[in-house]
Amino acid sequence: MFASVCFLGLQRTLARTDRMQVPLSEETRVADVLAYVKASYPELPFPENAFLVTVNNKVATMEMILRGNDEVSFLPFIGGG
């Protein structure tokens, strides 16, 4: 069982790919996937509490349990003034 992590913008540039497959167990949470991504791509910026998580294009929490074929994105906040 796998989930896909979609890389967007700077993430895509630094990872040199637009997605990766992450193996899942029955208890894999979004937080576990983020840890897997950080270990695989340590150069990717994930500032504490400065990104939005989506699963299948819906806002999700870090504690959400993932299912096979889910699509996860970690969207950085965009600020301006």
PDB file of N, CA and C in Angstrom:
ATOM      1  N   MET A   1       0.838  -1.155   0.000  1.00  0.00           N
ATOM      2  CA  MET A   1       0.000   0.000   0.000  1.00  0.00           C
ATOM      3  C   MET A   1       0.900   1.240   0.000  1.00  0.00           C
ATOM      4  N   PHE A   2       0.546   2.215  -0.816  1.00  0.00           N
ATOM      5  CA  PHE A   2       1.337   3.432  -0.960  1.00  0.00           C
ATOM      6  C   PHE A   2       0.446   4.664  -0.984  1.00  0.00           C
ATOM      7  N   ALA A   3       1.027   5.797  -0.600  1.00  0.00           N
ATOM      8  CA  ALA A   3       0.420   7.108  -0.793  1.00  0.00           C
ATOM      9  C   ALA A   3       1.375   7.898  -1.680  1.00  0.00           C
ATOM     10  N   SER A   4       0.844   8.875  -2.385  1.00  0.00           N
ATOM     11  CA  SER A   4       1.672   9.765  -3.197  1.00  0.00           C
ATOM     12  C   SER A   4       1.832  11.091  -2.482  1.00  0.00           C
ATOM     13  N   VAL A   5       3.034  11.622  -2.511  1.00  0.00           N
ATOM     14  CA  VAL A   5       3.282  12.970  -2.017  1.00  0.00           C
ATOM     15  C   VAL A   5       3.560  13.827  -3.240  1.00  0.00           C
ATOM     16  N   CYS A   6       2.780  14.885  -3.402  1.00  0.00           N
ATOM     17  CA  CYS A   6       2.949  15.799  -4.537  1.00  0.00           C
ATOM     18  C   CYS A   6       3.842  16.953  -4.117  1.00  0.00           C
ATOM     19  N   PHE A   7       4.844  17.230  -4.925  1.00  0.00           N
ATOM     20  CA  PHE A   7       5.736  18.355  -4.689  1.00  0.00           C
ATOM     21  C   PHE A   7       5.332  19.504  -5.600  1.00  0.00           C
ATOM     22  N   LEU A   8       5.246  20.693  -5.020  1.00  0.00           N
ATOM     23  CA  LEU A   8       4.829  21.871  -5.762  1.00  0.00           C
ATOM     24  C   LEU A   8       5.866  22.975  -5.615  1.00  0.00           C
ATOM     25  N   GLY A   9       5.963  23.829  -6.594  1.00  0.00           N
ATOM     26  CA  GLY A   9       6.822  25.005  -6.522  1.00  0.00           C
ATOM     27  C   GLY A   9       8.266  24.688  -6.176  1.00  0.00           C
ATOM     28  N   LEU A  10       8.772  25.333  -5.114  1.00  0.00           N
ATOM     29  CA  LEU A  10      10.150  25.150  -4.687  1.00  0.00           C
ATOM     30  C   LEU A  10      10.433  23.702  -4.295  1.00  0.00           C
ATOM     31  N   GLN A  11       9.443  23.038  -3.708  1.00  0.00           N
ATOM     32  CA  GLN A  11       9.620  21.622  -3.351  1.00  0.00           C
ATOM     33  C   GLN A  11       9.960  20.807  -4.600  1.00  0.00           C
ATOM     34  N   ARG A  12       9.214  21.038  -5.664  1.00  0.00           N
ATOM     35  CA  ARG A  12       9.435  20.304  -6.921  1.00  0.00           C
ATOM     36  C   ARG A  12      10.826  20.592  -7.475  1.00  0.00           C
ATOM     37  N   THR A  13      11.239  21.845  -7.409  1.00  0.00           N
ATOM     38  CA  THR A  13      12.553  22.226  -7.908  1.00  0.00           C
ATOM     39  C   THR A  13      13.662  21.550  -7.115  1.00  0.00           C
ATOM     40  N   LEU A  14      13.572  21.599  -5.794  1.00  0.00           N
ATOM     41  CA  LEU A  14      14.619  21.017  -4.949  1.00  0.00           C
ATOM     42  C   LEU A  14      14.634  19.488  -4.986  1.00  0.00           C
ATOM     43  N   ALA A  15      13.460  18.881  -5.057  1.00  0.00           N
ATOM     44  CA  ALA A  15      13.380  17.410  -5.094  1.00  0.00           C
ATOM     45  C   ALA A  15      13.669  16.858  -6.487  1.00  0.00           C
ATOM     46  N   ARG A  16      13.569  17.722  -7.484  1.00  0.00           N
ATOM     47  CA  ARG A  16      13.771  17.329  -8.890  1.00  0.00           C
ATOM     48  C   ARG A  16      12.776  16.259  -9.355  1.00  0.00           C
ATOM     49  N   THR A  17      11.598  16.296  -8.762  1.00  0.00           N
ATOM     50  CA  THR A  17      10.505  15.414  -9.163  1.00  0.00           C
ATOM     51  C   THR A  17       9.209  16.056  -8.710  1.00  0.00           C
ATOM     52  N   ASP A  18       8.095  15.638  -9.294  1.00  0.00           N
ATOM     53  CA  ASP A  18       6.819  16.224  -8.885  1.00  0.00           C
ATOM     54  C   ASP A  18       6.060  15.365  -7.886  1.00  0.00           C
ATOM     55  N   ARG A  19       6.556  14.131  -7.640  1.00  0.00           N
ATOM     56  CA  ARG A  19       5.896  13.284  -6.643  1.00  0.00           C
ATOM     57  C   ARG A  19       6.780  12.133  -6.218  1.00  0.00           C
ATOM     58  N   MET A  20       6.420  11.556  -5.087  1.00  0.00           N
ATOM     59  CA  MET A  20       7.112  10.360  -4.619  1.00  0.00           C
ATOM     60  C   MET A  20       6.082   9.428  -3.999  1.00  0.00           C
ATOM     61  N   GLN A  21       6.392   8.163  -4.006  1.00  0.00           N
ATOM     62  CA  GLN A  21       5.542   7.150  -3.391  1.00  0.00           C
ATOM     63  C   GLN A  21       6.080   6.842  -1.995  1.00  0.00           C
ATOM     64  N   VAL A  22       5.171   6.762  -1.024  1.00  0.00           N
ATOM     65  CA  VAL A  22       5.547   6.470   0.354  1.00  0.00           C
ATOM     66  C   VAL A  22       4.814   5.203   0.785  1.00  0.00           C
ATOM     67  N   PRO A  23       5.545   4.203   1.290  1.00  0.00           N
ATOM     68  CA  PRO A  23       4.875   2.983   1.752  1.00  0.00           C
ATOM     69  C   PRO A  23       4.048   3.263   3.004  1.00  0.00           C
ATOM     70  N   LEU A  24       2.894   2.623   3.083  1.00  0.00           N
ATOM     71  CA  LEU A  24       1.984   2.804   4.205  1.00  0.00           C
ATOM     72  C   LEU A  24       1.778   1.509   4.977  1.00  0.00           C
ATOM     73  N   SER A  25       1.529   1.655   6.256  1.00  0.00           N
ATOM     74  CA  SER A  25       1.010   0.552   7.064  1.00  0.00           C
ATOM     75  C   SER A  25      -0.432   0.931   7.415  1.00  0.00           C
ATOM     76  N   GLU A  26      -1.096   0.135   8.198  1.00  0.00           N
ATOM     77  CA  GLU A  26      -2.476   0.440   8.570  1.00  0.00           C
ATOM     78  C   GLU A  26      -2.572   1.634   9.508  1.00  0.00           C
ATOM     79  N   GLU A  27      -1.462   2.029  10.112  1.00  0.00           N
ATOM     80  CA  GLU A  27      -1.465   3.116  11.088  1.00  0.00           C
ATOM     81  C   GLU A  27      -0.627   4.323  10.661  1.00  0.00           C
ATOM     82  N   THR A  28      -0.263   4.432   9.401  1.00  0.00           N
ATOM     83  CA  THR A  28       0.565   5.546   8.947  1.00  0.00           C
ATOM     84  C   THR A  28      -0.234   6.835   8.970  1.00  0.00           C
ATOM     85  N   ARG A  29       0.317   7.832   9.651  1.00  0.00           N
ATOM     86  CA  ARG A  29      -0.304   9.151   9.756  1.00  0.00           C
ATOM     87  C   ARG A  29       0.399  10.126   8.811  1.00  0.00           C
ATOM     88  N   VAL A  30      -0.233  11.255   8.579  1.00  0.00           N
ATOM     89  CA  VAL A  30       0.379  12.301   7.763  1.00  0.00           C
ATOM     90  C   VAL A  30       1.729  12.693   8.356  1.00  0.00           C
ATOM     91  N   ALA A  31       1.824  12.787   9.678  1.00  0.00           N
ATOM     92  CA  ALA A  31       3.088  13.142  10.334  1.00  0.00           C
ATOM     93  C   ALA A  31       4.187  12.139   9.999  1.00  0.00           C
ATOM     94  N   ASP A  32       3.838  10.862   9.887  1.00  0.00           N
ATOM     95  CA  ASP A  32       4.820   9.837   9.524  1.00  0.00           C
ATOM     96  C   ASP A  32       5.307  10.041   8.090  1.00  0.00           C
ATOM     97  N   VAL A  33       4.395  10.419   7.207  1.00  0.00           N
ATOM     98  CA  VAL A  33       4.768  10.682   5.815  1.00  0.00           C
ATOM     99  C   VAL A  33       5.688  11.896   5.741  1.00  0.00           C
ATOM    100  N   LEU A  34       5.387  12.934   6.508  1.00  0.00           N
ATOM    101  CA  LEU A  34       6.254  14.111   6.522  1.00  0.00           C
ATOM    102  C   LEU A  34       7.652  13.729   6.999  1.00  0.00           C
ATOM    103  N   ALA A  35       7.752  12.905   8.029  1.00  0.00           N
ATOM    104  CA  ALA A  35       9.062  12.456   8.516  1.00  0.00           C
ATOM    105  C   ALA A  35       9.802  11.677   7.425  1.00  0.00           C
ATOM    106  N   TYR A  36       9.095  10.848   6.686  1.00  0.00           N
ATOM    107  CA  TYR A  36       9.684  10.069   5.590  1.00  0.00           C
ATOM    108  C   TYR A  36      10.204  11.013   4.497  1.00  0.00           C
ATOM    109  N   VAL A  37       9.412  12.019   4.152  1.00  0.00           N
ATOM    110  CA  VAL A  37       9.819  12.981   3.123  1.00  0.00           C
ATOM    111  C   VAL A  37      11.043  13.765   3.590  1.00  0.00           C
ATOM    112  N   LYS A  38      11.025  14.222   4.850  1.00  0.00           N
ATOM    113  CA  LYS A  38      12.172  14.968   5.381  1.00  0.00           C
ATOM    114  C   LYS A  38      13.447  14.132   5.362  1.00  0.00           C
ATOM    115  N   ALA A  39      13.330  12.846   5.668  1.00  0.00           N
ATOM    116  CA  ALA A  39      14.499  11.969   5.648  1.00  0.00           C
ATOM    117  C   ALA A  39      14.986  11.735   4.220  1.00  0.00           C
ATOM    118  N   SER A  40      14.059  11.668   3.278  1.00  0.00           N
ATOM    119  CA  SER A  40      14.416  11.427   1.874  1.00  0.00           C
ATOM    120  C   SER A  40      14.950  12.667   1.177  1.00  0.00           C
ATOM    121  N   TYR A  41      14.446  13.827   1.571  1.00  0.00           N
ATOM    122  CA  TYR A  41      14.829  15.096   0.951  1.00  0.00           C
ATOM    123  C   TYR A  41      15.121  16.130   2.045  1.00  0.00           C
ATOM    124  N   PRO A  42      16.242  16.016   2.739  1.00  0.00           N
ATOM    125  CA  PRO A  42      16.526  16.934   3.851  1.00  0.00           C
ATOM    126  C   PRO A  42      16.650  18.402   3.425  1.00  0.00           C
ATOM    127  N   GLU A  43      16.863  18.649   2.151  1.00  0.00           N
ATOM    128  CA  GLU A  43      16.992  20.031   1.680  1.00  0.00           C
ATOM    129  C   GLU A  43      15.646  20.748   1.530  1.00  0.00           C
ATOM    130  N   LEU A  44      14.539  20.017   1.601  1.00  0.00           N
ATOM    131  CA  LEU A  44      13.230  20.654   1.446  1.00  0.00           C
ATOM    132  C   LEU A  44      12.863  21.436   2.706  1.00  0.00           C
ATOM    133  N   PRO A  45      12.404  22.671   2.532  1.00  0.00           N
ATOM    134  CA  PRO A  45      12.031  23.476   3.702  1.00  0.00           C
ATOM    135  C   PRO A  45      10.610  23.142   4.174  1.00  0.00           C
ATOM    136  N   PHE A  46      10.501  22.800   5.438  1.00  0.00           N
ATOM    137  CA  PHE A  46       9.198  22.594   6.076  1.00  0.00           C
ATOM    138  C   PHE A  46       9.204  23.343   7.402  1.00  0.00           C
ATOM    139  N   PRO A  47       9.109  24.684   7.355  1.00  0.00           N
ATOM    140  CA  PRO A  47       9.139  25.465   8.591  1.00  0.00           C
ATOM    141  C   PRO A  47       7.991  25.059   9.523  1.00  0.00           C
ATOM    142  N   GLU A  48       8.285  25.011  10.799  1.00  0.00           N
ATOM    143  CA  GLU A  48       7.294  24.617  11.807  1.00  0.00           C
ATOM    144  C   GLU A  48       6.023  25.456  11.684  1.00  0.00           C
ATOM    145  N   ASN A  49       4.888  24.790  11.538  1.00  0.00           N
ATOM    146  CA  ASN A  49       3.567  25.431  11.473  1.00  0.00           C
ATOM    147  C   ASN A  49       3.443  26.468  10.359  1.00  0.00           C
ATOM    148  N   ALA A  50       4.205  26.305   9.288  1.00  0.00           N
ATOM    149  CA  ALA A  50       4.153  27.283   8.198  1.00  0.00           C
ATOM    150  C   ALA A  50       3.737  26.643   6.880  1.00  0.00           C
ATOM    151  N   PHE A  51       2.950  25.572   6.974  1.00  0.00           N
ATOM    152  CA  PHE A  51       2.428  24.961   5.758  1.00  0.00           C
ATOM    153  C   PHE A  51       1.077  24.325   6.052  1.00  0.00           C
ATOM    154  N   LEU A  52       0.310  24.147   5.005  1.00  0.00           N
ATOM    155  CA  LEU A  52      -1.006  23.528   5.085  1.00  0.00           C
ATOM    156  C   LEU A  52      -0.891  22.128   4.513  1.00  0.00           C
ATOM    157  N   VAL A  53      -1.535  21.166   5.145  1.00  0.00           N
ATOM    158  CA  VAL A  53      -1.510  19.785   4.674  1.00  0.00           C
ATOM    159  C   VAL A  53      -2.843  19.475   4.002  1.00  0.00           C
ATOM    160  N   THR A  54      -2.767  18.871   2.816  1.00  0.00           N
ATOM    161  CA  THR A  54      -3.979  18.377   2.175  1.00  0.00           C
ATOM    162  C   THR A  54      -3.823  16.896   1.869  1.00  0.00           C
ATOM    163  N   VAL A  55      -4.930  16.186   1.976  1.00  0.00           N
ATOM    164  CA  VAL A  55      -5.002  14.787   1.562  1.00  0.00           C
ATOM    165  C   VAL A  55      -6.169  14.697   0.588  1.00  0.00           C
ATOM    166  N   ASN A  56      -5.867  14.249  -0.603  1.00  0.00           N
ATOM    167  CA  ASN A  56      -6.871  14.176  -1.669  1.00  0.00           C
ATOM    168  C   ASN A  56      -7.555  15.529  -1.881  1.00  0.00           C
ATOM    169  N   ASN A  57      -6.738  16.593  -1.852  1.00  0.00           N
ATOM    170  CA  ASN A  57      -7.170  17.971  -2.107  1.00  0.00           C
ATOM    171  C   ASN A  57      -8.117  18.535  -1.053  1.00  0.00           C
ATOM    172  N   LYS A  58      -8.124  17.939   0.152  1.00  0.00           N
ATOM    173  CA  LYS A  58      -8.911  18.461   1.271  1.00  0.00           C
ATOM    174  C   LYS A  58      -7.977  18.708   2.439  1.00  0.00           C
ATOM    175  N   VAL A  59      -8.196  19.797   3.167  1.00  0.00           N
ATOM    176  CA  VAL A  59      -7.360  20.120   4.314  1.00  0.00           C
ATOM    177  C   VAL A  59      -7.381  18.949   5.300  1.00  0.00           C
ATOM    178  N   ALA A  60      -6.194  18.614   5.816  1.00  0.00           N
ATOM    179  CA  ALA A  60      -6.058  17.470   6.725  1.00  0.00           C
ATOM    180  C   ALA A  60      -5.195  17.857   7.917  1.00  0.00           C
ATOM    181  N   THR A  61      -5.174  17.000   8.913  1.00  0.00           N
ATOM    182  CA  THR A  61      -4.325  17.204  10.086  1.00  0.00           C
ATOM    183  C   THR A  61      -3.139  16.255  10.011  1.00  0.00           C
ATOM    184  N   MET A  62      -2.148  16.530  10.827  1.00  0.00           N
ATOM    185  CA  MET A  62      -0.963  15.677  10.878  1.00  0.00           C
ATOM    186  C   MET A  62      -1.290  14.304  11.476  1.00  0.00           C
ATOM    187  N   GLU A  63      -2.387  14.201  12.204  1.00  0.00           N
ATOM    188  CA  GLU A  63      -2.762  12.938  12.854  1.00  0.00           C
ATOM    189  C   GLU A  63      -3.657  12.049  11.989  1.00  0.00           C
ATOM    190  N   MET A  64      -4.055  12.527  10.838  1.00  0.00           N
ATOM    191  CA  MET A  64      -4.938  11.746   9.965  1.00  0.00           C
ATOM    192  C   MET A  64      -4.252  10.460   9.528  1.00  0.00           C
ATOM    193  N   ILE A  65      -4.974   9.339   9.626  1.00  0.00           N
ATOM    194  CA  ILE A  65      -4.484   8.042   9.154  1.00  0.00           C
ATOM    195  C   ILE A  65      -4.701   7.976   7.646  1.00  0.00           C
ATOM    196  N   LEU A  66      -3.664   7.568   6.924  1.00  0.00           N
ATOM    197  CA  LEU A  66      -3.737   7.513   5.464  1.00  0.00           C
ATOM    198  C   LEU A  66      -4.153   6.138   4.978  1.00  0.00           C
ATOM    199  N   ARG A  67      -4.739   6.111   3.824  1.00  0.00           N
ATOM    200  CA  ARG A  67      -5.168   4.882   3.145  1.00  0.00           C
ATOM    201  C   ARG A  67      -4.423   4.772   1.816  1.00  0.00           C
ATOM    202  N   GLY A  68      -4.395   3.583   1.264  1.00  0.00           N
ATOM    203  CA  GLY A  68      -3.729   3.372  -0.013  1.00  0.00           C
ATOM    204  C   GLY A  68      -4.266   4.304  -1.083  1.00  0.00           C
ATOM    205  N   ASN A  69      -3.363   4.810  -1.901  1.00  0.00           N
ATOM    206  CA  ASN A  69      -3.665   5.705  -3.019  1.00  0.00           C
ATOM    207  C   ASN A  69      -4.043   7.122  -2.607  1.00  0.00           C
ATOM    208  N   ASP A  70      -3.932   7.467  -1.321  1.00  0.00           N
ATOM    209  CA  ASP A  70      -4.152   8.858  -0.928  1.00  0.00           C
ATOM    210  C   ASP A  70      -3.058   9.719  -1.548  1.00  0.00           C
ATOM    211  N   GLU A  71      -3.396  10.986  -1.781  1.00  0.00           N
ATOM    212  CA  GLU A  71      -2.446  11.945  -2.335  1.00  0.00           C
ATOM    213  C   GLU A  71      -2.254  13.066  -1.311  1.00  0.00           C
ATOM    214  N   VAL A  72      -1.025  13.239  -0.850  1.00  0.00           N
ATOM    215  CA  VAL A  72      -0.694  14.206   0.204  1.00  0.00           C
ATOM    216  C   VAL A  72       0.107  15.350  -0.398  1.00  0.00           C
ATOM    217  N   SER A  73      -0.222  16.573   0.041  1.00  0.00           N
ATOM    218  CA  SER A  73       0.562  17.751  -0.342  1.00  0.00           C
ATOM    219  C   SER A  73       0.830  18.579   0.904  1.00  0.00           C
ATOM    220  N   PHE A  74       2.012  19.161   0.957  1.00  0.00           N
ATOM    221  CA  PHE A  74       2.395  20.067   2.028  1.00  0.00           C
ATOM    222  C   PHE A  74       2.564  21.442   1.388  1.00  0.00           C
ATOM    223  N   LEU A  75       1.567  22.290   1.553  1.00  0.00           N
ATOM    224  CA  LEU A  75       1.508  23.575   0.864  1.00  0.00           C
ATOM    225  C   LEU A  75       2.046  24.686   1.750  1.00  0.00           C
ATOM    226  N   PRO A  76       3.108  25.380   1.315  1.00  0.00           N
ATOM    227  CA  PRO A  76       3.625  26.480   2.128  1.00  0.00           C
ATOM    228  C   PRO A  76       2.655  27.650   2.129  1.00  0.00           C
ATOM    229  N   PHE A  77       2.584  28.343   3.274  1.00  0.00           N
ATOM    230  CA  PHE A  77       1.769  29.550   3.334  1.00  0.00           C
ATOM    231  C   PHE A  77       2.413  30.616   2.468  1.00  0.00           C
ATOM    232  N   ILE A  78       1.574  31.414   1.851  1.00  0.00           N
ATOM    233  CA  ILE A  78       2.050  32.507   1.010  1.00  0.00           C
ATOM    234  C   ILE A  78       1.634  33.799   1.702  1.00  0.00           C
ATOM    235  N   GLY A  79       2.600  34.651   1.935  1.00  0.00           N
ATOM    236  CA  GLY A  79       2.312  35.899   2.614  1.00  0.00           C
ATOM    237  C   GLY A  79       2.631  37.078   1.712  1.00  0.00           C
ATOM    238  N   GLY A  80       2.136  38.167   2.091  1.00  0.00           N
ATOM    239  CA  GLY A  80       2.404  39.382   1.336  1.00  0.00           C
ATOM    240  C   GLY A  80       1.816  40.568   2.066  1.00  0.00           C
ATOM    241  N   GLY A  81       1.971  41.665   1.470  1.00  0.00           N
ATOM    242  CA  GLY A  81       1.443  42.817   2.177  1.00  0.00           C
ATOM    243  C   GLY A  81       1.239  43.977   1.268  1.00  0.00           C
TER     244      GLY A  81
END
